[in-house]
């Protein structure tokens, strides 16, 4: 009887942990959405002629990226971690931050999410041997920076 109670408690605890991971994964997505305008401004060079605004947008983008990644890398559930990293990768791509996006891509291990990234960013990523890699053109762009 005691073993059955312990099993039930463990199952409830595991469910709560998984629910917390889901919430944190959604938090990452929300952070990326909140800072998405800054990422787009950085990527488009919208304020390149206005040094003060450009620096502000760059700092805001970097703050959002840091917040999102700090949460994402702590997630222990593979699916929720990969989903959060996917949001962070998309966020970096808005800013045209291919260096960070490539690092994030290498950490994504779930095939379904990898395939989504290849579909969304075919110009920049390919799936090879179960891992995401930058395309030759993207890798060359990284070297030229």
N, C-alpha and C. Protein backbone atom coordinates (compact mmCIF):
# COMPACT_ATOMS: atom_id res chain seq x y z
N UNK A 1 0.82 -1.20 0.00
CA UNK A 1 0.00 0.00 0.00
C UNK A 1 0.87 1.26 0.00
N UNK A 2 1.91 1.27 0.82
CA UNK A 2 2.80 2.42 0.90
C UNK A 2 3.50 2.67 -0.43
N UNK A 3 3.89 1.59 -1.10
CA UNK A 3 4.54 1.71 -2.41
C UNK A 3 3.62 2.34 -3.44
N UNK A 4 2.34 1.99 -3.38
CA UNK A 4 1.36 2.57 -4.31
C UNK A 4 1.19 4.06 -4.07
N UNK A 5 1.19 4.47 -2.81
CA UNK A 5 1.07 5.90 -2.47
C UNK A 5 2.31 6.65 -2.93
N UNK A 6 3.49 6.04 -2.71
CA UNK A 6 4.74 6.67 -3.15
C UNK A 6 4.76 6.83 -4.67
N UNK A 7 4.30 5.79 -5.39
CA UNK A 7 4.23 5.87 -6.85
C UNK A 7 3.30 6.98 -7.31
N UNK A 8 2.15 7.10 -6.66
CA UNK A 8 1.18 8.15 -7.01
C UNK A 8 1.75 9.53 -6.75
N UNK A 9 2.47 9.68 -5.64
CA UNK A 9 3.08 10.97 -5.30
C UNK A 9 4.17 11.30 -6.33
N UNK A 10 4.97 10.31 -6.69
CA UNK A 10 6.03 10.53 -7.69
C UNK A 10 5.43 10.91 -9.03
N UNK A 11 4.35 10.23 -9.41
CA UNK A 11 3.71 10.55 -10.67
C UNK A 11 3.17 11.98 -10.66
N UNK A 12 2.55 12.37 -9.56
CA UNK A 12 2.05 13.74 -9.44
C UNK A 12 3.19 14.74 -9.50
N UNK A 13 4.29 14.43 -8.82
CA UNK A 13 5.46 15.31 -8.82
C UNK A 13 6.04 15.43 -10.23
N UNK A 14 6.13 14.30 -10.93
CA UNK A 14 6.64 14.32 -12.31
C UNK A 14 5.74 15.14 -13.21
N UNK A 15 4.43 15.02 -13.03
CA UNK A 15 3.48 15.81 -13.82
C UNK A 15 3.63 17.30 -13.55
N UNK A 16 3.83 17.65 -12.29
CA UNK A 16 4.02 19.06 -11.93
C UNK A 16 5.31 19.61 -12.53
N UNK A 17 6.36 18.81 -12.50
CA UNK A 17 7.64 19.22 -13.10
C UNK A 17 7.47 19.44 -14.60
N UNK A 18 6.77 18.52 -15.25
CA UNK A 18 6.54 18.64 -16.70
C UNK A 18 5.70 19.87 -17.01
N UNK A 19 4.70 20.13 -16.19
CA UNK A 19 3.87 21.32 -16.38
C UNK A 19 4.69 22.58 -16.21
N UNK A 20 5.59 22.59 -15.24
CA UNK A 20 6.48 23.75 -15.03
C UNK A 20 7.39 23.95 -16.25
N UNK A 21 7.88 22.86 -16.81
CA UNK A 21 8.73 22.94 -18.01
C UNK A 21 7.94 23.54 -19.19
N UNK A 22 6.68 23.11 -19.33
CA UNK A 22 5.84 23.65 -20.41
C UNK A 22 5.64 25.15 -20.23
N UNK A 23 5.40 25.57 -19.01
CA UNK A 23 5.21 26.99 -18.74
C UNK A 23 6.48 27.77 -19.03
N UNK A 24 7.63 27.24 -18.65
CA UNK A 24 8.89 27.93 -18.91
C UNK A 24 9.19 27.99 -20.42
N UNK A 25 8.85 26.93 -21.13
CA UNK A 25 9.04 26.94 -22.58
C UNK A 25 8.18 28.03 -23.23
N UNK A 26 6.94 28.16 -22.75
CA UNK A 26 6.08 29.24 -23.24
C UNK A 26 6.60 30.61 -22.84
N UNK A 27 7.23 30.69 -21.69
CA UNK A 27 7.84 31.96 -21.26
C UNK A 27 8.94 32.39 -22.24
N UNK A 28 9.74 31.44 -22.66
CA UNK A 28 10.79 31.73 -23.65
C UNK A 28 10.15 32.29 -24.93
N UNK A 29 9.11 31.63 -25.38
CA UNK A 29 8.42 32.09 -26.60
C UNK A 29 7.88 33.51 -26.41
N UNK A 30 7.32 33.78 -25.24
CA UNK A 30 6.77 35.10 -24.94
C UNK A 30 7.87 36.15 -24.90
N UNK A 31 9.00 35.83 -24.29
CA UNK A 31 10.14 36.76 -24.25
C UNK A 31 10.58 37.09 -25.67
N UNK A 32 10.66 36.08 -26.50
CA UNK A 32 11.08 36.29 -27.90
C UNK A 32 10.08 37.18 -28.63
N UNK A 33 8.80 37.04 -28.33
CA UNK A 33 7.79 37.89 -28.94
C UNK A 33 7.89 39.31 -28.42
N UNK A 34 8.10 39.46 -27.11
CA UNK A 34 8.19 40.79 -26.50
C UNK A 34 9.37 41.60 -27.07
N UNK A 35 10.48 40.94 -27.28
CA UNK A 35 11.67 41.61 -27.78
C UNK A 35 11.80 41.49 -29.30
N UNK A 36 10.82 40.87 -29.94
CA UNK A 36 10.87 40.62 -31.38
C UNK A 36 11.01 41.87 -32.23
N UNK A 37 10.38 42.95 -31.82
CA UNK A 37 10.49 44.20 -32.58
C UNK A 37 11.93 44.70 -32.61
N UNK A 38 12.61 44.59 -31.48
CA UNK A 38 14.01 45.00 -31.43
C UNK A 38 14.87 44.10 -32.30
N UNK A 39 14.59 42.79 -32.26
CA UNK A 39 15.34 41.86 -33.11
C UNK A 39 15.16 42.22 -34.58
N UNK A 40 13.92 42.52 -34.97
CA UNK A 40 13.66 42.91 -36.36
C UNK A 40 14.37 44.21 -36.72
N UNK A 41 14.37 45.17 -35.79
CA UNK A 41 15.06 46.44 -36.05
C UNK A 41 16.56 46.24 -36.20
N UNK A 42 17.13 45.37 -35.38
CA UNK A 42 18.56 45.07 -35.49
C UNK A 42 18.84 44.40 -36.83
N UNK A 43 18.02 43.43 -37.18
CA UNK A 43 18.22 42.68 -38.42
C UNK A 43 18.03 43.51 -39.68
N UNK A 44 17.11 44.46 -39.63
CA UNK A 44 16.84 45.26 -40.82
C UNK A 44 17.76 46.48 -40.94
N UNK A 45 18.43 46.82 -39.84
CA UNK A 45 19.26 48.03 -39.85
C UNK A 45 18.40 49.29 -39.88
N UNK A 46 17.16 49.16 -39.44
CA UNK A 46 16.18 50.25 -39.47
C UNK A 46 16.73 51.56 -38.91
N UNK A 47 17.50 51.46 -37.83
CA UNK A 47 17.99 52.67 -37.17
C UNK A 47 19.50 52.82 -37.29
N UNK A 48 20.07 52.31 -38.36
CA UNK A 48 21.53 52.37 -38.52
C UNK A 48 22.04 53.80 -38.62
N UNK A 49 21.20 54.73 -39.03
CA UNK A 49 21.61 56.14 -39.12
C UNK A 49 21.45 56.88 -37.80
N UNK A 50 20.80 56.26 -36.84
CA UNK A 50 20.57 56.86 -35.52
C UNK A 50 21.31 56.02 -34.49
N UNK A 51 22.51 56.44 -34.14
CA UNK A 51 23.38 55.64 -33.28
C UNK A 51 22.75 55.34 -31.92
N UNK A 52 22.09 56.32 -31.33
CA UNK A 52 21.49 56.13 -30.01
C UNK A 52 20.38 55.08 -30.05
N UNK A 53 19.50 55.19 -31.03
CA UNK A 53 18.41 54.23 -31.15
C UNK A 53 18.93 52.85 -31.54
N UNK A 54 19.93 52.84 -32.41
CA UNK A 54 20.53 51.58 -32.84
C UNK A 54 21.13 50.84 -31.64
N UNK A 55 21.86 51.54 -30.78
CA UNK A 55 22.44 50.93 -29.59
C UNK A 55 21.35 50.43 -28.64
N UNK A 56 20.29 51.23 -28.49
CA UNK A 56 19.18 50.85 -27.63
C UNK A 56 18.54 49.55 -28.12
N UNK A 57 18.27 49.48 -29.42
CA UNK A 57 17.65 48.28 -29.99
C UNK A 57 18.57 47.07 -29.87
N UNK A 58 19.88 47.27 -30.09
CA UNK A 58 20.85 46.18 -29.97
C UNK A 58 20.88 45.66 -28.53
N UNK A 59 20.92 46.56 -27.56
CA UNK A 59 20.94 46.14 -26.15
C UNK A 59 19.65 45.41 -25.78
N UNK A 60 18.55 45.92 -26.27
CA UNK A 60 17.25 45.29 -25.98
C UNK A 60 17.19 43.88 -26.59
N UNK A 61 17.68 43.75 -27.82
CA UNK A 61 17.74 42.43 -28.46
C UNK A 61 18.62 41.49 -27.64
N UNK A 62 19.80 41.96 -27.25
CA UNK A 62 20.73 41.11 -26.50
C UNK A 62 20.15 40.72 -25.14
N UNK A 63 19.42 41.62 -24.50
CA UNK A 63 18.77 41.32 -23.23
C UNK A 63 17.73 40.22 -23.41
N UNK A 64 16.91 40.34 -24.45
CA UNK A 64 15.90 39.32 -24.73
C UNK A 64 16.53 37.98 -25.05
N UNK A 65 17.59 37.99 -25.83
CA UNK A 65 18.29 36.75 -26.19
C UNK A 65 18.86 36.08 -24.94
N UNK A 66 19.47 36.88 -24.08
CA UNK A 66 20.05 36.35 -22.85
C UNK A 66 18.97 35.74 -21.94
N UNK A 67 17.88 36.47 -21.75
CA UNK A 67 16.79 35.98 -20.90
C UNK A 67 16.22 34.67 -21.45
N UNK A 68 15.97 34.64 -22.74
CA UNK A 68 15.39 33.45 -23.37
C UNK A 68 16.32 32.24 -23.25
N UNK A 69 17.59 32.44 -23.55
CA UNK A 69 18.53 31.32 -23.53
C UNK A 69 18.82 30.83 -22.11
N UNK A 70 18.84 31.74 -21.14
CA UNK A 70 19.07 31.32 -19.76
C UNK A 70 17.97 30.37 -19.29
N UNK A 71 16.75 30.63 -19.70
CA UNK A 71 15.65 29.74 -19.33
C UNK A 71 15.71 28.45 -20.15
N UNK A 72 15.89 28.59 -21.45
CA UNK A 72 15.83 27.42 -22.35
C UNK A 72 16.87 26.36 -21.99
N UNK A 73 18.09 26.77 -21.69
CA UNK A 73 19.13 25.77 -21.46
C UNK A 73 18.97 25.05 -20.13
N UNK A 74 18.15 25.59 -19.23
CA UNK A 74 17.92 24.94 -17.94
C UNK A 74 16.79 23.91 -17.99
N UNK A 75 16.04 23.90 -19.07
CA UNK A 75 14.92 22.96 -19.17
C UNK A 75 15.47 21.54 -19.29
N UNK A 76 14.90 20.62 -18.55
CA UNK A 76 15.40 19.24 -18.56
C UNK A 76 14.60 18.33 -19.49
N UNK A 77 13.35 18.68 -19.77
CA UNK A 77 12.56 17.89 -20.70
C UNK A 77 13.03 18.20 -22.12
N UNK A 78 13.41 17.18 -22.86
CA UNK A 78 13.98 17.37 -24.19
C UNK A 78 13.04 18.12 -25.14
N UNK A 79 11.77 17.74 -25.13
CA UNK A 79 10.84 18.39 -26.05
C UNK A 79 10.68 19.88 -25.73
N UNK A 80 10.42 20.19 -24.46
CA UNK A 80 10.21 21.59 -24.10
C UNK A 80 11.48 22.42 -24.26
N UNK A 81 12.64 21.83 -23.99
CA UNK A 81 13.91 22.54 -24.22
C UNK A 81 14.08 22.83 -25.71
N UNK A 82 13.82 21.83 -26.55
CA UNK A 82 13.96 22.02 -27.99
C UNK A 82 12.96 23.04 -28.52
N UNK A 83 11.73 23.03 -28.00
CA UNK A 83 10.72 24.00 -28.42
C UNK A 83 11.16 25.41 -28.04
N UNK A 84 11.69 25.56 -26.83
CA UNK A 84 12.18 26.87 -26.38
C UNK A 84 13.37 27.32 -27.23
N UNK A 85 14.27 26.40 -27.52
CA UNK A 85 15.43 26.75 -28.36
C UNK A 85 14.99 27.13 -29.77
N UNK A 86 13.95 26.50 -30.27
CA UNK A 86 13.41 26.85 -31.58
C UNK A 86 12.94 28.31 -31.57
N UNK A 87 12.22 28.70 -30.53
CA UNK A 87 11.77 30.10 -30.41
C UNK A 87 12.97 31.04 -30.37
N UNK A 88 13.99 30.67 -29.61
CA UNK A 88 15.19 31.50 -29.50
C UNK A 88 15.93 31.59 -30.84
N UNK A 89 15.98 30.48 -31.57
CA UNK A 89 16.62 30.49 -32.89
C UNK A 89 15.88 31.43 -33.84
N UNK A 90 14.56 31.33 -33.88
CA UNK A 90 13.77 32.22 -34.73
C UNK A 90 14.00 33.67 -34.36
N UNK A 91 14.08 33.94 -33.06
CA UNK A 91 14.34 35.28 -32.56
C UNK A 91 15.69 35.80 -33.08
N UNK A 92 16.72 34.97 -32.99
CA UNK A 92 18.05 35.35 -33.48
C UNK A 92 18.04 35.58 -35.00
N UNK A 93 17.27 34.78 -35.71
CA UNK A 93 17.20 34.94 -37.16
C UNK A 93 16.54 36.26 -37.54
N UNK A 94 15.58 36.72 -36.73
CA UNK A 94 14.98 38.04 -36.99
C UNK A 94 16.04 39.13 -36.93
N UNK A 95 17.00 38.95 -36.02
CA UNK A 95 18.08 39.93 -35.86
C UNK A 95 19.23 39.68 -36.83
N UNK A 96 19.08 38.65 -37.65
CA UNK A 96 20.15 38.23 -38.57
C UNK A 96 21.43 37.88 -37.80
N UNK A 97 21.24 37.30 -36.62
CA UNK A 97 22.35 36.89 -35.75
C UNK A 97 22.62 35.41 -36.02
N UNK A 98 23.21 35.15 -37.16
CA UNK A 98 23.43 33.78 -37.60
C UNK A 98 24.42 33.03 -36.71
N UNK A 99 25.36 33.74 -36.11
CA UNK A 99 26.33 33.09 -35.24
C UNK A 99 25.62 32.44 -34.04
N UNK A 100 24.76 33.19 -33.36
CA UNK A 100 24.02 32.62 -32.23
C UNK A 100 23.01 31.58 -32.70
N UNK A 101 22.34 31.85 -33.81
CA UNK A 101 21.35 30.90 -34.32
C UNK A 101 22.00 29.55 -34.63
N UNK A 102 23.22 29.57 -35.15
CA UNK A 102 23.93 28.33 -35.47
C UNK A 102 24.27 27.55 -34.21
N UNK A 103 24.69 28.26 -33.18
CA UNK A 103 25.00 27.60 -31.90
C UNK A 103 23.73 26.95 -31.33
N UNK A 104 22.64 27.69 -31.38
CA UNK A 104 21.36 27.17 -30.88
C UNK A 104 20.92 25.96 -31.70
N UNK A 105 21.06 26.05 -33.02
CA UNK A 105 20.64 24.96 -33.91
C UNK A 105 21.35 23.66 -33.55
N UNK A 106 22.60 23.74 -33.19
CA UNK A 106 23.36 22.52 -32.85
C UNK A 106 22.85 21.85 -31.59
N UNK A 107 22.17 22.61 -30.74
CA UNK A 107 21.64 22.05 -29.49
C UNK A 107 20.26 21.42 -29.66
N UNK A 108 19.64 21.61 -30.81
CA UNK A 108 18.30 21.08 -31.05
C UNK A 108 18.42 19.65 -31.55
N UNK A 109 17.75 18.73 -30.82
CA UNK A 109 17.94 17.30 -31.09
C UNK A 109 16.69 16.58 -31.58
N UNK A 110 15.53 17.19 -31.47
CA UNK A 110 14.30 16.52 -31.88
C UNK A 110 14.08 16.71 -33.38
N UNK A 111 13.98 15.58 -34.08
CA UNK A 111 13.91 15.59 -35.53
C UNK A 111 12.78 16.46 -36.07
N UNK A 112 11.60 16.39 -35.48
CA UNK A 112 10.46 17.18 -35.96
C UNK A 112 10.77 18.68 -35.92
N UNK A 113 11.41 19.13 -34.87
CA UNK A 113 11.76 20.55 -34.73
C UNK A 113 12.89 20.90 -35.69
N UNK A 114 13.84 20.00 -35.85
CA UNK A 114 14.93 20.23 -36.81
C UNK A 114 14.36 20.41 -38.21
N UNK A 115 13.42 19.55 -38.59
CA UNK A 115 12.81 19.64 -39.92
C UNK A 115 12.05 20.95 -40.10
N UNK A 116 11.38 21.40 -39.04
CA UNK A 116 10.66 22.68 -39.10
C UNK A 116 11.65 23.82 -39.35
N UNK A 117 12.79 23.78 -38.70
CA UNK A 117 13.80 24.83 -38.87
C UNK A 117 14.34 24.82 -40.29
N UNK A 118 14.58 23.64 -40.83
CA UNK A 118 15.06 23.54 -42.22
C UNK A 118 14.01 24.12 -43.18
N UNK A 119 12.74 23.84 -42.92
CA UNK A 119 11.67 24.40 -43.76
C UNK A 119 11.62 25.92 -43.65
N UNK A 120 11.70 26.43 -42.43
CA UNK A 120 11.56 27.86 -42.18
C UNK A 120 12.80 28.65 -42.62
N UNK A 121 13.96 28.02 -42.52
CA UNK A 121 15.22 28.73 -42.78
C UNK A 121 16.12 27.91 -43.72
N UNK A 122 15.54 27.44 -44.82
CA UNK A 122 16.24 26.55 -45.75
C UNK A 122 17.51 27.19 -46.32
N UNK A 123 17.52 28.49 -46.42
CA UNK A 123 18.69 29.20 -46.95
C UNK A 123 19.88 29.11 -45.98
N UNK A 124 19.58 28.86 -44.71
CA UNK A 124 20.62 28.92 -43.68
C UNK A 124 20.98 27.60 -43.02
N UNK A 125 20.02 26.63 -43.00
CA UNK A 125 20.27 25.38 -42.28
C UNK A 125 19.88 24.16 -43.11
N UNK A 126 20.68 23.08 -42.93
CA UNK A 126 20.38 21.78 -43.51
C UNK A 126 20.47 20.75 -42.40
N UNK A 127 19.77 19.64 -42.60
CA UNK A 127 19.78 18.53 -41.65
C UNK A 127 20.66 17.44 -42.24
N UNK A 128 21.70 17.07 -41.49
CA UNK A 128 22.65 16.08 -41.98
C UNK A 128 23.09 15.22 -40.80
N UNK A 129 22.95 13.92 -40.92
CA UNK A 129 23.33 12.98 -39.87
C UNK A 129 22.63 13.27 -38.54
N UNK A 130 21.36 13.70 -38.62
CA UNK A 130 20.59 13.94 -37.41
C UNK A 130 20.92 15.23 -36.69
N UNK A 131 21.70 16.10 -37.32
CA UNK A 131 22.09 17.37 -36.70
C UNK A 131 21.84 18.51 -37.69
N UNK A 132 21.53 19.69 -37.14
CA UNK A 132 21.40 20.87 -37.98
C UNK A 132 22.77 21.48 -38.21
N UNK A 133 23.00 21.89 -39.44
CA UNK A 133 24.27 22.52 -39.82
C UNK A 133 23.96 23.74 -40.67
N UNK A 134 24.83 24.75 -40.62
CA UNK A 134 24.62 25.89 -41.53
C UNK A 134 24.87 25.44 -42.97
N UNK A 135 24.14 26.02 -43.90
CA UNK A 135 24.39 25.74 -45.31
C UNK A 135 25.77 26.30 -45.66
N UNK A 136 26.27 25.92 -46.81
CA UNK A 136 27.59 26.42 -47.24
C UNK A 136 27.56 27.95 -47.34
N UNK A 137 26.48 28.49 -47.90
CA UNK A 137 26.37 29.95 -48.04
C UNK A 137 26.33 30.63 -46.66
N UNK A 138 25.60 30.04 -45.73
CA UNK A 138 25.52 30.61 -44.38
C UNK A 138 26.86 30.52 -43.67
N UNK A 139 27.54 29.38 -43.82
CA UNK A 139 28.85 29.21 -43.19
C UNK A 139 29.86 30.21 -43.76
N UNK A 140 29.78 30.44 -45.05
CA UNK A 140 30.66 31.43 -45.67
C UNK A 140 30.36 32.83 -45.14
N UNK A 141 29.09 33.14 -44.99
CA UNK A 141 28.70 34.43 -44.42
C UNK A 141 29.23 34.61 -43.03
N UNK A 142 29.24 33.55 -42.23
CA UNK A 142 29.79 33.63 -40.87
C UNK A 142 31.29 33.90 -40.89
N UNK A 143 31.98 33.29 -41.85
CA UNK A 143 33.43 33.48 -41.95
C UNK A 143 33.79 34.90 -42.42
N UNK A 144 32.92 35.49 -43.23
CA UNK A 144 33.19 36.82 -43.77
C UNK A 144 32.91 37.95 -42.79
N UNK A 145 32.21 37.63 -41.70
CA UNK A 145 31.88 38.67 -40.71
C UNK A 145 33.06 39.04 -39.88
